Protein backbone atom coordinates (compact mmCIF):
# COMPACT_ATOMS: atom_id res chain seq x y z
CA MET A 1 4.44 -30.02 19.94
CA LYS A 2 2.10 -27.24 21.10
CA LYS A 3 4.21 -24.65 19.27
CA SER A 4 3.99 -26.63 16.03
CA ILE A 5 0.22 -26.92 16.26
CA THR A 6 -0.10 -23.20 17.03
CA ILE A 7 2.05 -22.28 14.04
CA VAL A 8 0.02 -24.53 11.72
CA PHE A 9 -3.26 -22.96 12.88
CA LEU A 10 -1.86 -19.44 12.41
CA LEU A 11 -0.69 -20.23 8.89
CA VAL A 12 -4.01 -21.79 7.95
CA SER A 13 -5.97 -18.80 9.29
CA VAL A 14 -3.74 -16.27 7.50
CA LEU A 15 -3.99 -18.15 4.21
CA ALA A 16 -7.74 -18.57 4.55
CA PHE A 17 -8.43 -14.89 5.15
CA SER A 18 -5.84 -13.21 2.94
CA GLN A 19 -7.18 -11.34 -0.05
CA LYS A 20 -5.94 -12.08 -3.55
CA VAL A 21 -5.17 -8.74 -5.19
CA LYS A 22 -4.50 -8.49 -8.92
CA MET A 23 -3.91 -5.36 -10.96
CA LYS A 24 -4.62 -6.18 -14.63
CA LYS A 25 -5.78 -4.17 -17.61
CA ASP A 26 -6.34 -1.02 -15.55
CA LYS A 27 -8.55 -2.90 -13.03
CA VAL A 28 -7.94 -3.71 -9.39
CA ILE A 29 -9.35 -7.19 -8.78
CA ILE A 30 -9.75 -8.46 -5.22
CA ASP A 31 -10.84 -12.06 -4.73
CA ASP A 32 -11.87 -12.24 -8.42
CA VAL A 33 -14.12 -9.13 -8.19
CA GLU A 34 -13.32 -5.85 -9.98
CA VAL A 35 -13.36 -3.15 -7.30
CA TYR A 36 -11.49 -0.13 -8.74
CA ASN A 37 -9.92 1.22 -11.88
CA PHE A 38 -6.31 2.37 -11.87
CA GLU A 39 -4.06 4.26 -14.23
CA GLU A 40 -0.29 4.34 -14.11
CA GLU A 41 1.72 7.24 -15.46
CA GLY A 42 5.40 7.07 -14.62
CA ARG A 43 5.68 7.02 -10.84
CA MET A 44 2.04 7.97 -10.26
CA THR A 45 -0.90 5.62 -9.93
CA THR A 46 -4.43 7.03 -9.82
CA PHE A 47 -7.31 5.02 -8.38
CA SER A 48 -10.91 5.59 -9.44
CA THR A 49 -14.26 3.91 -8.93
CA LEU A 50 -15.65 1.61 -11.59
CA SER A 51 -17.66 4.62 -12.80
CA ASN A 52 -14.34 6.51 -13.30
CA GLU A 53 -14.60 8.90 -10.32
CA GLU A 54 -10.99 9.49 -9.22
CA PHE A 55 -10.48 9.40 -5.47
CA ALA A 56 -6.76 8.86 -4.75
CA SER A 57 -3.36 9.17 -6.34
CA VAL A 58 -0.22 7.37 -5.25
CA VAL A 59 3.25 8.75 -5.93
CA THR A 60 6.12 6.27 -5.71
CA THR A 61 9.47 7.60 -4.54
CA SER A 62 12.59 6.02 -3.12
CA TYR A 63 15.56 6.84 -0.97
CA GLN A 64 18.90 5.24 -0.24
CA GLU A 65 20.23 4.42 3.18
CA ARG A 66 23.73 3.35 4.08
CA ASN A 67 23.93 -0.37 4.83
CA GLN A 68 25.17 -0.56 8.42
CA GLY A 69 26.41 -4.13 7.87
CA TYR A 70 28.52 -3.19 4.85
CA ASN A 71 32.23 -3.94 5.08
CA PRO A 72 34.13 -3.84 1.77
CA ARG A 73 36.66 -6.39 2.98
CA TYR A 74 34.22 -9.05 4.15
CA SER A 75 30.82 -8.32 2.70
CA SER A 76 29.18 -8.97 -0.64
CA SER A 77 26.12 -6.94 0.41
CA PRO A 78 25.56 -3.53 -1.17
CA GLN A 79 26.95 -0.36 0.41
CA TYR A 80 23.55 1.36 0.10
CA LEU A 81 20.04 -0.06 0.43
CA ASN A 82 17.12 1.25 -1.67
CA HIS A 83 13.74 1.75 -0.02
CA THR A 84 10.44 2.48 -1.79
CA VAL A 85 7.92 4.89 -0.29
CA TYR A 86 4.32 5.49 -1.41
CA THR A 87 2.50 8.76 -0.78
CA VAL A 88 -1.28 8.32 -1.06
CA LYS A 89 -3.13 11.59 -1.63
CA PHE A 90 -6.91 11.65 -1.27
CA LEU A 91 -8.12 14.00 -3.97
CA SER A 92 -11.27 15.40 -2.34
CA SER A 93 -9.64 16.37 0.96
CA GLY A 94 -5.95 16.71 0.10
CA LYS A 95 -5.06 14.48 3.06
CA GLU A 96 -2.03 12.23 2.63
CA VAL A 97 -0.63 8.94 3.88
CA THR A 98 3.05 8.05 3.56
CA THR A 99 3.71 4.32 3.75
CA ASP A 100 5.93 1.51 2.51
CA ILE A 101 3.33 -1.26 2.23
CA GLY A 102 3.27 -1.51 -1.59
CA ILE A 103 0.72 -0.60 -4.22
CA LYS A 104 -1.28 -3.87 -4.13
CA LYS A 105 -1.52 -3.74 -0.35
CA ILE A 106 -2.61 -0.10 -0.58
CA ALA A 107 -5.40 -1.11 -2.97
CA ALA A 108 -6.46 -3.91 -0.62
CA ALA A 109 -6.38 -1.58 2.40
CA LEU A 110 -8.51 1.02 0.57
CA TYR A 111 -11.05 -1.65 -0.26
CA LYS A 112 -11.04 -3.18 3.21
CA SER A 113 -11.52 0.22 4.87
CA GLU A 114 -14.88 0.65 3.08
CA MET A 115 -14.36 4.42 3.04
CA ILE A 116 -15.07 4.97 -0.68
CA ASP A 117 -18.58 4.67 -2.08
CA ALA A 118 -19.46 3.87 -5.70
CA ASN A 119 -19.48 7.60 -6.57
CA GLY A 120 -15.95 8.15 -5.21
CA LYS A 121 -17.18 9.98 -2.10
CA ILE A 122 -14.95 9.38 0.90
CA ASP A 123 -16.22 8.88 4.43
CA GLU A 124 -14.01 11.31 6.40
CA GLU A 125 -14.23 9.35 9.66
CA LYS A 126 -13.03 6.16 7.96
CA LEU A 127 -10.36 8.18 6.15
CA ASN A 128 -8.99 9.44 9.46
CA ILE A 129 -8.85 5.87 10.78
CA PHE A 130 -7.03 4.80 7.59
CA ILE A 131 -4.49 7.62 8.03
CA ASN A 132 -3.90 6.75 11.68
CA LYS A 133 -3.39 3.10 10.77
CA TYR A 134 -1.08 3.41 7.75
CA ASN A 135 0.71 6.78 7.92
CA ASN A 136 4.42 6.70 8.76
CA GLU A 137 5.81 10.20 9.36
CA ASN A 138 9.39 8.87 9.60
CA LEU A 139 9.23 7.84 5.94
CA LYS A 140 7.99 11.28 4.97
CA LEU A 141 11.05 12.83 6.58
CA LYS A 142 13.39 10.50 4.69
CA ILE A 143 12.07 11.43 1.23
CA ASN A 144 12.04 15.21 1.79
């Protein structure tokens, strides 16, 4: 019984505090508020402030990995698994983050970090915290 109550409270708290992220008509909208502009060109997404100051670009790449559970005699699962990787490059500093969290979650994380002001200037201390939190060097090795 205690486990059930704990699970219910965890679900309620996660649902209550999760941000709703939409990307429509070149706008990033978080909790019904426009926070950034974005532009997609092929596999690149560029984020800018509402005053059109670009601050980050995201390149989407992928790699394949052999499915360890694949057995042609007994398995209907694919022989190779596709994985998507996002490389976020901060334009003013050239610093990068390699992650697999997805473009909407990247937008939400940028907003939540509060590192970008209205003019597109990036707080370097908050940027370093963002990099430490989201960077995954193992992914970088897999796409090179």
